[in-house]
Amino acid sequence: QVQLVESGGGTVQPGGSLRLSCLASGFTTGYYVIAWFRQAPGKEREGVSCIINSDDSTYYLDSVKGRFTISRDNNGHMVYLQMNNLKPEDTAVYYCAIKFTYWTAGFPPDYTMDSWGKGTLVTVSP
């Protein structure tokens, strides 16, 4: 059974940094894409960043480009989201999700993801 567990959330001041981690287990090999989504109170969930294991291609939401960096370890079961220069509008619950497919480009729609973590809360406040 595939499981995703996020960690690393917390409260920081604007301009601060956090690194989120997503530990994926219950699978071994194959093609997949791992993505970070977020949902702020009263807002729809949105894709933040994703990484494709076949070629390590990465994609970002426009508002986080240049501030967030997604990466993975060599076996691909740990994915990180380094978040720098955080802004109050980054406040949200951040979720890790995985889609098992040969994904070629772009951001996968959230409703197509196969498994989700429970999320970790990021609060950016003075």
PDB file of N, CA and C in Angstrom:
ATOM      1  N   GLN A   1       0.842  -1.183   0.000  1.00  0.00           N
ATOM      2  CA  GLN A   1       0.000   0.000   0.000  1.00  0.00           C
ATOM      3  C   GLN A   1       0.883   1.241   0.000  1.00  0.00           C
ATOM      4  N   VAL A   2       0.606   2.118  -0.929  1.00  0.00           N
ATOM      5  CA  VAL A   2       1.405   3.337  -1.046  1.00  0.00           C
ATOM      6  C   VAL A   2       1.027   4.299   0.069  1.00  0.00           C
ATOM      7  N   GLN A   3       2.035   4.853   0.724  1.00  0.00           N
ATOM      8  CA  GLN A   3       1.816   5.853   1.750  1.00  0.00           C
ATOM      9  C   GLN A   3       2.734   7.038   1.520  1.00  0.00           C
ATOM     10  N   LEU A   4       2.201   8.212   1.796  1.00  0.00           N
ATOM     11  CA  LEU A   4       2.969   9.444   1.694  1.00  0.00           C
ATOM     12  C   LEU A   4       2.845  10.175   3.018  1.00  0.00           C
ATOM     13  N   VAL A   5       3.983  10.596   3.562  1.00  0.00           N
ATOM     14  CA  VAL A   5       3.974  11.291   4.840  1.00  0.00           C
ATOM     15  C   VAL A   5       4.778  12.573   4.704  1.00  0.00           C
ATOM     16  N   GLU A   6       4.095  13.685   4.932  1.00  0.00           N
ATOM     17  CA  GLU A   6       4.751  14.983   4.858  1.00  0.00           C
ATOM     18  C   GLU A   6       5.265  15.404   6.229  1.00  0.00           C
ATOM     19  N   SER A   7       6.298  16.212   6.222  1.00  0.00           N
ATOM     20  CA  SER A   7       6.818  16.800   7.458  1.00  0.00           C
ATOM     21  C   SER A   7       7.531  18.099   7.113  1.00  0.00           C
ATOM     22  N   GLY A   8       7.815  18.877   8.141  1.00  0.00           N
ATOM     23  CA  GLY A   8       8.589  20.091   7.947  1.00  0.00           C
ATOM     24  C   GLY A   8       7.804  21.386   8.003  1.00  0.00           C
ATOM     25  N   GLY A   9       6.499  21.287   8.143  1.00  0.00           N
ATOM     26  CA  GLY A   9       5.717  22.503   8.226  1.00  0.00           C
ATOM     27  C   GLY A   9       5.965  23.245   9.528  1.00  0.00           C
ATOM     28  N   GLY A  10       5.461  24.460   9.608  1.00  0.00           N
ATOM     29  CA  GLY A  10       5.631  25.254  10.810  1.00  0.00           C
ATOM     30  C   GLY A  10       5.254  26.688  10.562  1.00  0.00           C
ATOM     31  N   THR A  11       5.624  27.529  11.517  1.00  0.00           N
ATOM     32  CA  THR A  11       5.334  28.955  11.427  1.00  0.00           C
ATOM     33  C   THR A  11       6.629  29.727  11.264  1.00  0.00           C
ATOM     34  N   VAL A  12       6.668  30.584  10.260  1.00  0.00           N
ATOM     35  CA  VAL A  12       7.838  31.412  10.018  1.00  0.00           C
ATOM     36  C   VAL A  12       7.389  32.831   9.712  1.00  0.00           C
ATOM     37  N   GLN A  13       8.317  33.739   9.842  1.00  0.00           N
ATOM     38  CA  GLN A  13       8.046  35.127   9.489  1.00  0.00           C
ATOM     39  C   GLN A  13       8.240  35.324   7.989  1.00  0.00           C
ATOM     40  N   PRO A  14       7.622  36.340   7.431  1.00  0.00           N
ATOM     41  CA  PRO A  14       7.845  36.638   6.014  1.00  0.00           C
ATOM     42  C   PRO A  14       9.335  36.786   5.725  1.00  0.00           C
ATOM     43  N   GLY A  15       9.745  36.205   4.599  1.00  0.00           N
ATOM     44  CA  GLY A  15      11.157  36.199   4.256  1.00  0.00           C
ATOM     45  C   GLY A  15      11.900  34.984   4.752  1.00  0.00           C
ATOM     46  N   GLY A  16      11.266  34.207   5.609  1.00  0.00           N
ATOM     47  CA  GLY A  16      11.909  33.022   6.167  1.00  0.00           C
ATOM     48  C   GLY A  16      11.866  31.834   5.222  1.00  0.00           C
ATOM     49  N   SER A  17      12.409  30.728   5.701  1.00  0.00           N
ATOM     50  CA  SER A  17      12.514  29.518   4.881  1.00  0.00           C
ATOM     51  C   SER A  17      12.027  28.300   5.648  1.00  0.00           C
ATOM     52  N   LEU A  18      11.539  27.331   4.895  1.00  0.00           N
ATOM     53  CA  LEU A  18      11.178  26.029   5.426  1.00  0.00           C
ATOM     54  C   LEU A  18      11.530  24.987   4.373  1.00  0.00           C
ATOM     55  N   ARG A  19      11.799  23.773   4.835  1.00  0.00           N
ATOM     56  CA  ARG A  19      11.965  22.668   3.908  1.00  0.00           C
ATOM     57  C   ARG A  19      10.971  21.568   4.256  1.00  0.00           C
ATOM     58  N   LEU A  20      10.098  21.311   3.328  1.00  0.00           N
ATOM     59  CA  LEU A  20       9.129  20.233   3.504  1.00  0.00           C
ATOM     60  C   LEU A  20       9.717  18.932   2.956  1.00  0.00           C
ATOM     61  N   SER A  21       9.360  17.846   3.617  1.00  0.00           N
ATOM     62  CA  SER A  21       9.783  16.522   3.163  1.00  0.00           C
ATOM     63  C   SER A  21       8.565  15.645   2.946  1.00  0.00           C
ATOM     64  N   CYS A  22       8.674  14.781   1.978  1.00  0.00           N
ATOM     65  CA  CYS A  22       7.613  13.815   1.693  1.00  0.00           C
ATOM     66  C   CYS A  22       8.258  12.444   1.565  1.00  0.00           C
ATOM     67  N   LEU A  23       7.934  11.556   2.485  1.00  0.00           N
ATOM     68  CA  LEU A  23       8.458  10.187   2.439  1.00  0.00           C
ATOM     69  C   LEU A  23       7.405   9.297   1.796  1.00  0.00           C
ATOM     70  N   ALA A  24       7.775   8.717   0.664  1.00  0.00           N
ATOM     71  CA  ALA A  24       6.865   7.838  -0.064  1.00  0.00           C
ATOM     72  C   ALA A  24       7.292   6.384   0.131  1.00  0.00           C
ATOM     73  N   SER A  25       6.353   5.523   0.445  1.00  0.00           N
ATOM     74  CA  SER A  25       6.664   4.120   0.657  1.00  0.00           C
ATOM     75  C   SER A  25       5.584   3.247   0.044  1.00  0.00           C
ATOM     76  N   GLY A  26       5.887   1.949  -0.038  1.00  0.00           N
ATOM     77  CA  GLY A  26       4.910   1.007  -0.555  1.00  0.00           C
ATOM     78  C   GLY A  26       5.006   0.751  -2.043  1.00  0.00           C
ATOM     79  N   PHE A  27       6.071   1.231  -2.659  1.00  0.00           N
ATOM     80  CA  PHE A  27       6.292   0.949  -4.068  1.00  0.00           C
ATOM     81  C   PHE A  27       7.785   0.862  -4.299  1.00  0.00           C
ATOM     82  N   THR A  28       8.190   0.266  -5.408  1.00  0.00           N
ATOM     83  CA  THR A  28       9.613   0.100  -5.670  1.00  0.00           C
ATOM     84  C   THR A  28      10.043   0.833  -6.935  1.00  0.00           C
ATOM     85  N   THR A  29       9.721   0.293  -8.073  1.00  0.00           N
ATOM     86  CA  THR A  29      10.198   0.908  -9.303  1.00  0.00           C
ATOM     87  C   THR A  29       9.026   1.333 -10.172  1.00  0.00           C
ATOM     88  N   GLY A  30       9.368   1.934 -11.306  1.00  0.00           N
ATOM     89  CA  GLY A  30       8.339   2.357 -12.245  1.00  0.00           C
ATOM     90  C   GLY A  30       8.337   3.860 -12.436  1.00  0.00           C
ATOM     91  N   TYR A  31       7.529   4.288 -13.361  1.00  0.00           N
ATOM     92  CA  TYR A  31       7.441   5.711 -13.657  1.00  0.00           C
ATOM     93  C   TYR A  31       6.412   6.371 -12.744  1.00  0.00           C
ATOM     94  N   TYR A  32       6.722   7.578 -12.332  1.00  0.00           N
ATOM     95  CA  TYR A  32       5.767   8.323 -11.518  1.00  0.00           C
ATOM     96  C   TYR A  32       6.134   9.800 -11.506  1.00  0.00           C
ATOM     97  N   VAL A  33       5.210  10.583 -11.043  1.00  0.00           N
ATOM     98  CA  VAL A  33       5.438  11.995 -10.800  1.00  0.00           C
ATOM     99  C   VAL A  33       4.953  12.294  -9.387  1.00  0.00           C
ATOM    100  N   ILE A  34       5.766  12.998  -8.630  1.00  0.00           N
ATOM    101  CA  ILE A  34       5.394  13.420  -7.274  1.00  0.00           C
ATOM    102  C   ILE A  34       5.194  14.926  -7.281  1.00  0.00           C
ATOM    103  N   ALA A  35       4.113  15.346  -6.677  1.00  0.00           N
ATOM    104  CA  ALA A  35       3.761  16.763  -6.696  1.00  0.00           C
ATOM    105  C   ALA A  35       3.435  17.276  -5.303  1.00  0.00           C
ATOM    106  N   TRP A  36       3.675  18.551  -5.131  1.00  0.00           N
ATOM    107  CA  TRP A  36       3.223  19.273  -3.934  1.00  0.00           C
ATOM    108  C   TRP A  36       2.039  20.149  -4.334  1.00  0.00           C
ATOM    109  N   PHE A  37       0.987  20.013  -3.569  1.00  0.00           N
ATOM    110  CA  PHE A  37      -0.185  20.875  -3.712  1.00  0.00           C
ATOM    111  C   PHE A  37      -0.356  21.642  -2.405  1.00  0.00           C
ATOM    112  N   ARG A  38      -1.135  22.690  -2.450  1.00  0.00           N
ATOM    113  CA  ARG A  38      -1.461  23.411  -1.219  1.00  0.00           C
ATOM    114  C   ARG A  38      -2.889  23.908  -1.284  1.00  0.00           C
ATOM    115  N   GLN A  39      -3.430  24.075  -0.094  1.00  0.00           N
ATOM    116  CA  GLN A  39      -4.782  24.613   0.009  1.00  0.00           C
ATOM    117  C   GLN A  39      -4.841  25.578   1.176  1.00  0.00           C
ATOM    118  N   ALA A  40      -5.147  26.819   0.850  1.00  0.00           N
ATOM    119  CA  ALA A  40      -5.297  27.854   1.865  1.00  0.00           C
ATOM    120  C   ALA A  40      -6.760  27.909   2.295  1.00  0.00           C
ATOM    121  N   PRO A  41      -7.038  28.417   3.488  1.00  0.00           N
ATOM    122  CA  PRO A  41      -8.423  28.500   3.965  1.00  0.00           C
ATOM    123  C   PRO A  41      -9.299  29.274   2.991  1.00  0.00           C
ATOM    124  N   GLY A  42     -10.411  28.663   2.612  1.00  0.00           N
ATOM    125  CA  GLY A  42     -11.357  29.318   1.730  1.00  0.00           C
ATOM    126  C   GLY A  42     -10.956  29.356   0.272  1.00  0.00           C
ATOM    127  N   LYS A  43      -9.872  28.670  -0.064  1.00  0.00           N
ATOM    128  CA  LYS A  43      -9.404  28.674  -1.450  1.00  0.00           C
ATOM    129  C   LYS A  43      -9.332  27.253  -1.996  1.00  0.00           C
ATOM    130  N   GLU A  44      -9.300  27.156  -3.307  1.00  0.00           N
ATOM    131  CA  GLU A  44      -9.168  25.865  -3.948  1.00  0.00           C
ATOM    132  C   GLU A  44      -7.723  25.365  -3.841  1.00  0.00           C
ATOM    133  N   ARG A  45      -7.605  24.056  -3.905  1.00  0.00           N
ATOM    134  CA  ARG A  45      -6.279  23.459  -3.897  1.00  0.00           C
ATOM    135  C   ARG A  45      -5.556  23.806  -5.196  1.00  0.00           C
ATOM    136  N   GLU A  46      -4.271  24.056  -5.097  1.00  0.00           N
ATOM    137  CA  GLU A  46      -3.498  24.378  -6.288  1.00  0.00           C
ATOM    138  C   GLU A  46      -2.174  23.629  -6.280  1.00  0.00           C
ATOM    139  N   GLY A  47      -1.703  23.326  -7.459  1.00  0.00           N
ATOM    140  CA  GLY A  47      -0.416  22.670  -7.602  1.00  0.00           C
ATOM    141  C   GLY A  47       0.711  23.669  -7.403  1.00  0.00           C
ATOM    142  N   VAL A  48       1.694  23.280  -6.623  1.00  0.00           N
ATOM    143  CA  VAL A  48       2.821  24.145  -6.308  1.00  0.00           C
ATOM    144  C   VAL A  48       4.064  23.755  -7.110  1.00  0.00           C
ATOM    145  N   SER A  49       4.371  22.471  -7.108  1.00  0.00           N
ATOM    146  CA  SER A  49       5.566  21.994  -7.799  1.00  0.00           C
ATOM    147  C   SER A  49       5.461  20.498  -7.999  1.00  0.00           C
ATOM    148  N   CYS A  50       6.151  20.000  -9.016  1.00  0.00           N
ATOM    149  CA  CYS A  50       6.183  18.559  -9.225  1.00  0.00           C
ATOM    150  C   CYS A  50       7.522  18.157  -9.850  1.00  0.00           C
ATOM    151  N   ILE A  51       7.847  16.886  -9.683  1.00  0.00           N
ATOM    152  CA  ILE A  51       9.071  16.345 -10.246  1.00  0.00           C
ATOM    153  C   ILE A  51       8.760  15.000 -10.879  1.00  0.00           C
ATOM    154  N   ILE A  52       9.278  14.790 -12.068  1.00  0.00           N
ATOM    155  CA  ILE A  52       9.039  13.576 -12.834  1.00  0.00           C
ATOM    156  C   ILE A  52      10.251  12.678 -12.712  1.00  0.00           C
ATOM    157  N   ASN A  53      10.043  11.422 -12.278  1.00  0.00           N
ATOM    158  CA  ASN A  53      11.206  10.592 -11.974  1.00  0.00           C
ATOM    159  C   ASN A  53      11.947  10.121 -13.217  1.00  0.00           C
ATOM    160  N   SER A  54      11.302  10.096 -14.382  1.00  0.00           N
ATOM    161  CA  SER A  54      11.967   9.572 -15.578  1.00  0.00           C
ATOM    162  C   SER A  54      13.134  10.431 -16.021  1.00  0.00           C
ATOM    163  N   ASP A  55      13.019  11.738 -15.835  1.00  0.00           N
ATOM    164  CA  ASP A  55      14.098  12.623 -16.288  1.00  0.00           C
ATOM    165  C   ASP A  55      14.369  13.768 -15.323  1.00  0.00           C
ATOM    166  N   ASP A  56      13.750  13.722 -14.140  1.00  0.00           N
ATOM    167  CA  ASP A  56      13.918  14.769 -13.129  1.00  0.00           C
ATOM    168  C   ASP A  56      13.455  16.146 -13.600  1.00  0.00           C
ATOM    169  N   SER A  57      12.550  16.167 -14.556  1.00  0.00           N
ATOM    170  CA  SER A  57      11.955  17.456 -14.931  1.00  0.00           C
ATOM    171  C   SER A  57      11.158  18.010 -13.762  1.00  0.00           C
ATOM    172  N   THR A  58      11.188  19.315 -13.624  1.00  0.00           N
ATOM    173  CA  THR A  58      10.460  19.961 -12.537  1.00  0.00           C
ATOM    174  C   THR A  58       9.564  21.070 -13.075  1.00  0.00           C
ATOM    175  N   TYR A  59       8.486  21.324 -12.372  1.00  0.00           N
ATOM    176  CA  TYR A  59       7.550  22.365 -12.757  1.00  0.00           C
ATOM    177  C   TYR A  59       7.115  23.115 -11.505  1.00  0.00           C
ATOM    178  N   TYR A  60       6.803  24.409 -11.710  1.00  0.00           N
ATOM    179  CA  TYR A  60       6.459  25.262 -10.573  1.00  0.00           C
ATOM    180  C   TYR A  60       5.275  26.159 -10.907  1.00  0.00           C
ATOM    181  N   LEU A  61       4.494  26.442  -9.872  1.00  0.00           N
ATOM    182  CA  LEU A  61       3.481  27.474  -9.941  1.00  0.00           C
ATOM    183  C   LEU A  61       4.201  28.803 -10.166  1.00  0.00           C
ATOM    184  N   ASP A  62       3.643  29.649 -10.991  1.00  0.00           N
ATOM    185  CA  ASP A  62       4.337  30.896 -11.325  1.00  0.00           C
ATOM    186  C   ASP A  62       4.692  31.713 -10.083  1.00  0.00           C
ATOM    187  N   SER A  63       3.810  31.737  -9.122  1.00  0.00           N
ATOM    188  CA  SER A  63       4.029  32.592  -7.956  1.00  0.00           C
ATOM    189  C   SER A  63       5.139  32.095  -7.035  1.00  0.00           C
ATOM    190  N   VAL A  64       5.627  30.873  -7.235  1.00  0.00           N
ATOM    191  CA  VAL A  64       6.690  30.362  -6.380  1.00  0.00           C
ATOM    192  C   VAL A  64       8.005  30.189  -7.130  1.00  0.00           C
ATOM    193  N   LYS A  65       7.994  30.432  -8.421  1.00  0.00           N
ATOM    194  CA  LYS A  65       9.224  30.295  -9.208  1.00  0.00           C
ATOM    195  C   LYS A  65      10.304  31.224  -8.660  1.00  0.00           C
ATOM    196  N   GLY A  66      11.506  30.669  -8.542  1.00  0.00           N
ATOM    197  CA  GLY A  66      12.612  31.446  -8.004  1.00  0.00           C
ATOM    198  C   GLY A  66      12.683  31.443  -6.493  1.00  0.00           C
ATOM    199  N   ARG A  67      11.637  30.946  -5.827  1.00  0.00           N
ATOM    200  CA  ARG A  67      11.628  30.891  -4.365  1.00  0.00           C
ATOM    201  C   ARG A  67      11.593  29.450  -3.854  1.00  0.00           C
ATOM    202  N   PHE A  68      10.904  28.579  -4.545  1.00  0.00           N
ATOM    203  CA  PHE A  68      10.759  27.184  -4.132  1.00  0.00           C
ATOM    204  C   PHE A  68      11.592  26.291  -5.049  1.00  0.00           C
ATOM    205  N   THR A  69      12.129  25.225  -4.477  1.00  0.00           N
ATOM    206  CA  THR A  69      12.879  24.242  -5.249  1.00  0.00           C
ATOM    207  C   THR A  69      12.468  22.842  -4.821  1.00  0.00           C
ATOM    208  N   ILE A  70      12.099  22.031  -5.788  1.00  0.00           N
ATOM    209  CA  ILE A  70      11.738  20.645  -5.516  1.00  0.00           C
ATOM    210  C   ILE A  70      12.919  19.757  -5.869  1.00  0.00           C
ATOM    211  N   SER A  71      13.117  18.718  -5.084  1.00  0.00           N
ATOM    212  CA  SER A  71      14.211  17.786  -5.355  1.00  0.00           C
ATOM    213  C   SER A  71      13.842  16.425  -4.773  1.00  0.00           C
ATOM    214  N   ARG A  72      14.626  15.409  -5.142  1.00  0.00           N
ATOM    215  CA  ARG A  72      14.367  14.084  -4.597  1.00  0.00           C
ATOM    216  C   ARG A  72      15.694  13.388  -4.320  1.00  0.00           C
ATOM    217  N   ASP A  73      15.662  12.393  -3.459  1.00  0.00           N
ATOM    218  CA  ASP A  73      16.875  11.649  -3.196  1.00  0.00           C
ATOM    219  C   ASP A  73      17.076  10.622  -4.305  1.00  0.00           C
ATOM    220  N   ASN A  74      18.178   9.900  -4.247  1.00  0.00           N
ATOM    221  CA  ASN A  74      18.548   9.021  -5.353  1.00  0.00           C
ATOM    222  C   ASN A  74      17.547   7.904  -5.596  1.00  0.00           C
ATOM    223  N   ASN A  75      16.951   7.390  -4.538  1.00  0.00           N
ATOM    224  CA  ASN A  75      15.993   6.301  -4.770  1.00  0.00           C
ATOM    225  C   ASN A  75      14.591   6.818  -5.035  1.00  0.00           C
ATOM    226  N   GLY A  76      14.431   8.136  -4.955  1.00  0.00           N
ATOM    227  CA  GLY A  76      13.161   8.745  -5.323  1.00  0.00           C
ATOM    228  C   GLY A  76      12.057   8.625  -4.308  1.00  0.00           C
ATOM    229  N   HIS A  77      12.369   8.069  -3.136  1.00  0.00           N
ATOM    230  CA  HIS A  77      11.305   7.892  -2.166  1.00  0.00           C
ATOM    231  C   HIS A  77      11.201   9.038  -1.174  1.00  0.00           C
ATOM    232  N   MET A  78      12.132   9.970  -1.239  1.00  0.00           N
ATOM    233  CA  MET A  78      12.038  11.163  -0.418  1.00  0.00           C
ATOM    234  C   MET A  78      12.075  12.362  -1.351  1.00  0.00           C
ATOM    235  N   VAL A  79      11.085  13.180  -1.249  1.00  0.00           N
ATOM    236  CA  VAL A  79      11.000  14.389  -2.067  1.00  0.00           C
ATOM    237  C   VAL A  79      10.958  15.588  -1.138  1.00  0.00           C
ATOM    238  N   TYR A  80      11.674  16.620  -1.531  1.00  0.00           N
ATOM    239  CA  TYR A  80      11.784  17.810  -0.702  1.00  0.00           C
ATOM    240  C   TYR A  80      11.216  19.025  -1.447  1.00  0.00           C
ATOM    241  N   LEU A  81      10.734  19.968  -0.666  1.00  0.00           N
ATOM    242  CA  LEU A  81      10.335  21.260  -1.212  1.00  0.00           C
ATOM    243  C   LEU A  81      10.995  22.323  -0.348  1.00  0.00           C
ATOM    244  N   GLN A  82      12.052  22.909  -0.897  1.00  0.00           N
ATOM    245  CA  GLN A  82      12.735  23.995  -0.206  1.00  0.00           C
ATOM    246  C   GLN A  82      12.007  25.291  -0.530  1.00  0.00           C
ATOM    247  N   MET A  83      11.554  25.958   0.505  1.00  0.00           N
ATOM    248  CA  MET A  83      10.776  27.179   0.324  1.00  0.00           C
ATOM    249  C   MET A  83      11.516  28.342   0.959  1.00  0.00           C
ATOM    250  N   ASN A  84      11.940  29.269   0.133  1.00  0.00           N
ATOM    251  CA  ASN A  84      12.663  30.453   0.594  1.00  0.00           C
ATOM    252  C   ASN A  84      11.842  31.709   0.359  1.00  0.00           C
ATOM    253  N   ASN A  85      12.212  32.763   1.055  1.00  0.00           N
ATOM    254  CA  ASN A  85      11.526  34.054   0.915  1.00  0.00           C
ATOM    255  C   ASN A  85      10.007  33.870   1.003  1.00  0.00           C
ATOM    256  N   LEU A  86       9.586  33.195   2.031  1.00  0.00           N
ATOM    257  CA  LEU A  86       8.168  32.906   2.186  1.00  0.00           C
ATOM    258  C   LEU A  86       7.358  34.167   2.392  1.00  0.00           C
ATOM    259  N   LYS A  87       6.145  34.138   1.866  1.00  0.00           N
ATOM    260  CA  LYS A  87       5.235  35.267   1.937  1.00  0.00           C
ATOM    261  C   LYS A  87       3.953  34.840   2.656  1.00  0.00           C
ATOM    262  N   PRO A  88       3.232  35.786   3.226  1.00  0.00           N
ATOM    263  CA  PRO A  88       1.977  35.419   3.904  1.00  0.00           C
ATOM    264  C   PRO A  88       1.026  34.646   2.992  1.00  0.00           C
ATOM    265  N   GLU A  89       1.042  34.931   1.712  1.00  0.00           N
ATOM    266  CA  GLU A  89       0.149  34.226   0.785  1.00  0.00           C
ATOM    267  C   GLU A  89       0.563  32.782   0.537  1.00  0.00           C
ATOM    268  N   ASP A  90       1.713  32.374   1.052  1.00  0.00           N
ATOM    269  CA  ASP A  90       2.117  30.972   0.979  1.00  0.00           C
ATOM    270  C   ASP A  90       1.503  30.139   2.102  1.00  0.00           C
ATOM    271  N   THR A  91       0.834  30.788   3.032  1.00  0.00           N
ATOM    272  CA  THR A  91       0.195  30.077   4.133  1.00  0.00           C
ATOM    273  C   THR A  91      -0.858  29.115   3.608  1.00  0.00           C
ATOM    274  N   ALA A  92      -0.708  27.847   3.976  1.00  0.00           N
ATOM    275  CA  ALA A  92      -1.623  26.818   3.489  1.00  0.00           C
ATOM    276  C   ALA A  92      -1.240  25.480   4.090  1.00  0.00           C
ATOM    277  N   VAL A  93      -2.112  24.509   3.910  1.00  0.00           N
ATOM    278  CA  VAL A  93      -1.739  23.118   4.171  1.00  0.00           C
ATOM    279  C   VAL A  93      -1.111  22.583   2.881  1.00  0.00           C
ATOM    280  N   TYR A  94       0.061  22.018   3.013  1.00  0.00           N
ATOM    281  CA  TYR A  94       0.793  21.498   1.864  1.00  0.00           C
ATOM    282  C   TYR A  94       0.679  19.982   1.841  1.00  0.00           C
ATOM    283  N   TYR A  95       0.301  19.462   0.690  1.00  0.00           N
ATOM    284  CA  TYR A  95       0.103  18.033   0.507  1.00  0.00           C
ATOM    285  C   TYR A  95       1.075  17.492  -0.539  1.00  0.00           C
ATOM    286  N   CYS A  96       1.513  16.282  -0.289  1.00  0.00           N
ATOM    287  CA  CYS A  96       2.329  15.551  -1.243  1.00  0.00           C
ATOM    288  C   CYS A  96       1.426  14.503  -1.899  1.00  0.00           C
ATOM    289  N   ALA A  97       1.590  14.316  -3.201  1.00  0.00           N
ATOM    290  CA  ALA A  97       0.774  13.337  -3.915  1.00  0.00           C
ATOM    291  C   ALA A  97       1.612  12.683  -5.009  1.00  0.00           C
ATOM    292  N   ILE A  98       1.207  11.474  -5.398  1.00  0.00           N
ATOM    293  CA  ILE A  98       1.950  10.729  -6.405  1.00  0.00           C
ATOM    294  C   ILE A  98       1.010  10.179  -7.476  1.00  0.00           C
ATOM    295  N   LYS A  99       1.498  10.160  -8.682  1.00  0.00           N
ATOM    296  CA  LYS A  99       0.756   9.602  -9.810  1.00  0.00           C
ATOM    297  C   LYS A  99       1.664   8.613 -10.513  1.00  0.00           C
ATOM    298  N   PHE A 100       1.207   7.373 -10.613  1.00  0.00           N
ATOM    299  CA  PHE A 100       2.011   6.322 -11.232  1.00  0.00           C
ATOM    300  C   PHE A 100       1.686   6.241 -12.706  1.00  0.00           C
ATOM    301  N   THR A 101       2.544   6.885 -13.485  1.00  0.00           N
ATOM    302  CA  THR A 101       2.377   6.871 -14.935  1.00  0.00           C
ATOM    303  C   THR A 101       3.650   7.409 -15.555  1.00  0.00           C
ATOM    304  N   TYR A 102       3.804   7.136 -16.837  1.00  0.00           N
ATOM    305  CA  TYR A 102       4.915   7.746 -17.565  1.00  0.00           C
ATOM    306  C   TYR A 102       4.472   9.152 -17.937  1.00  0.00           C
ATOM    307  N   TRP A 103       4.819  10.091 -17.103  1.00  0.00           N
ATOM    308  CA  TRP A 103       4.398  11.483 -17.292  1.00  0.00           C
ATOM    309  C   TRP A 103       5.472  12.216 -18.056  1.00  0.00           C
ATOM    310  N   THR A 104       5.077  12.971 -19.067  1.00  0.00           N
ATOM    311  CA  THR A 104       6.094  13.572 -19.931  1.00  0.00           C
ATOM    312  C   THR A 104       6.342  15.044 -19.654  1.00  0.00           C
ATOM    313  N   ALA A 105       5.304  15.788 -19.317  1.00  0.00           N
ATOM    314  CA  ALA A 105       5.521  17.224 -19.135  1.00  0.00           C
ATOM    315  C   ALA A 105       4.336  17.861 -18.430  1.00  0.00           C
ATOM    316  N   GLY A 106       4.602  19.000 -17.805  1.00  0.00           N
ATOM    317  CA  GLY A 106       3.531  19.777 -17.212  1.00  0.00           C
ATOM    318  C   GLY A 106       3.108  19.274 -15.847  1.00  0.00           C
ATOM    319  N   PHE A 107       2.091  19.921 -15.325  1.00  0.00           N
ATOM    320  CA  PHE A 107       1.605  19.633 -13.987  1.00  0.00           C
ATOM    321  C   PHE A 107       0.372  18.725 -14.061  1.00  0.00           C
ATOM    322  N   PRO A 108       0.420  17.568 -13.366  1.00  0.00           N
ATOM    323  CA  PRO A 108      -0.748  16.687 -13.404  1.00  0.00           C
ATOM    324  C   PRO A 108      -1.923  17.257 -12.613  1.00  0.00           C
ATOM    325  N   PRO A 109      -3.129  17.139 -13.117  1.00  0.00           N
ATOM    326  CA  PRO A 109      -4.299  17.628 -12.373  1.00  0.00           C
ATOM    327  C   PRO A 109      -4.436  16.909 -11.042  1.00  0.00           C
ATOM    328  N   ASP A 110      -4.877  17.634 -10.019  1.00  0.00           N
ATOM    329  CA  ASP A 110      -4.930  17.026  -8.692  1.00  0.00           C
ATOM    330  C   ASP A 110      -5.883  15.833  -8.652  1.00  0.00           C
ATOM    331  N   TYR A 111      -6.964  15.876  -9.444  1.00  0.00           N
ATOM    332  CA  TYR A 111      -7.950  14.803  -9.379  1.00  0.00           C
ATOM    333  C   TYR A 111      -7.457  13.519 -10.038  1.00  0.00           C
ATOM    334  N   THR A 112      -6.291  13.566 -10.674  1.00  0.00           N
ATOM    335  CA  THR A 112      -5.744  12.365 -11.304  1.00  0.00           C
ATOM    336  C   THR A 112      -4.684  11.681 -10.452  1.00  0.00           C
ATOM    337  N   MET A 113      -4.323  12.292  -9.324  1.00  0.00           N
ATOM    338  CA  MET A 113      -3.259  11.715  -8.490  1.00  0.00           C
ATOM    339  C   MET A 113      -3.756  10.440  -7.830  1.00  0.00           C
ATOM    340  N   ASP A 114      -2.847   9.494  -7.647  1.00  0.00           N
ATOM    341  CA  ASP A 114      -3.223   8.176  -7.133  1.00  0.00           C
ATOM    342  C   ASP A 114      -3.242   8.093  -5.602  1.00  0.00           C
ATOM    343  N   SER A 115      -2.326   8.753  -4.958  1.00  0.00           N
ATOM    344  CA  SER A 115      -2.260   8.699  -3.501  1.00  0.00           C
ATOM    345  C   SER A 115      -1.858  10.057  -2.951  1.00  0.00           C
ATOM    346  N   TRP A 116      -2.330  10.334  -1.734  1.00  0.00           N
ATOM    347  CA  TRP A 116      -2.079  11.619  -1.085  1.00  0.00           C
ATOM    348  C   TRP A 116      -1.588  11.418   0.335  1.00  0.00           C
ATOM    349  N   GLY A 117      -0.773  12.372   0.790  1.00  0.00           N
ATOM    350  CA  GLY A 117      -0.457  12.439   2.202  1.00  0.00           C
ATOM    351  C   GLY A 117      -1.522  13.221   2.940  1.00  0.00           C
ATOM    352  N   LYS A 118      -1.353  13.335   4.257  1.00  0.00           N
ATOM    353  CA  LYS A 118      -2.353  14.023   5.073  1.00  0.00           C
ATOM    354  C   LYS A 118      -2.098  15.513   5.175  1.00  0.00           C
ATOM    355  N   GLY A 119      -0.935  15.958   4.747  1.00  0.00           N
ATOM    356  CA  GLY A 119      -0.651  17.374   4.720  1.00  0.00           C
ATOM    357  C   GLY A 119       0.143  17.875   5.906  1.00  0.00           C
ATOM    358  N   THR A 120       0.787  19.015   5.706  1.00  0.00           N
ATOM    359  CA  THR A 120       1.523  19.683   6.766  1.00  0.00           C
ATOM    360  C   THR A 120       1.259  21.179   6.634  1.00  0.00           C
ATOM    361  N   LEU A 121       1.021  21.835   7.764  1.00  0.00           N
ATOM    362  CA  LEU A 121       0.610  23.224   7.762  1.00  0.00           C
ATOM    363  C   LEU A 121       1.811  24.153   7.741  1.00  0.00           C
ATOM    364  N   VAL A 122       1.764  25.098   6.817  1.00  0.00           N
ATOM    365  CA  VAL A 122       2.771  26.157   6.737  1.00  0.00           C
ATOM    366  C   VAL A 122       2.070  27.481   7.005  1.00  0.00           C
ATOM    367  N   THR A 123       2.559  28.206   7.988  1.00  0.00           N
ATOM    368  CA  THR A 123       1.994  29.511   8.329  1.00  0.00           C
ATOM    369  C   THR A 123       3.093  30.548   8.236  1.00  0.00           C
ATOM    370  N   VAL A 124       2.843  31.572   7.438  1.00  0.00           N
ATOM    371  CA  VAL A 124       3.800  32.668   7.290  1.00  0.00           C
ATOM    372  C   VAL A 124       3.147  33.917   7.866  1.00  0.00           C
ATOM    373  N   SER A 125       3.685  34.372   8.979  1.00  0.00           N
ATOM    374  CA  SER A 125       3.047  35.471   9.694  1.00  0.00           C
ATOM    375  C   SER A 125       4.108  36.281  10.439  1.00  0.00           C
ATOM    376  N   PRO A 126       3.918  37.618  10.479  1.00  0.00           N
ATOM    377  CA  PRO A 126       4.875  38.457  11.212  1.00  0.00           C
ATOM    378  C   PRO A 126       4.950  38.099  12.679  1.00  0.00           C
TER     379      PRO A 126
END
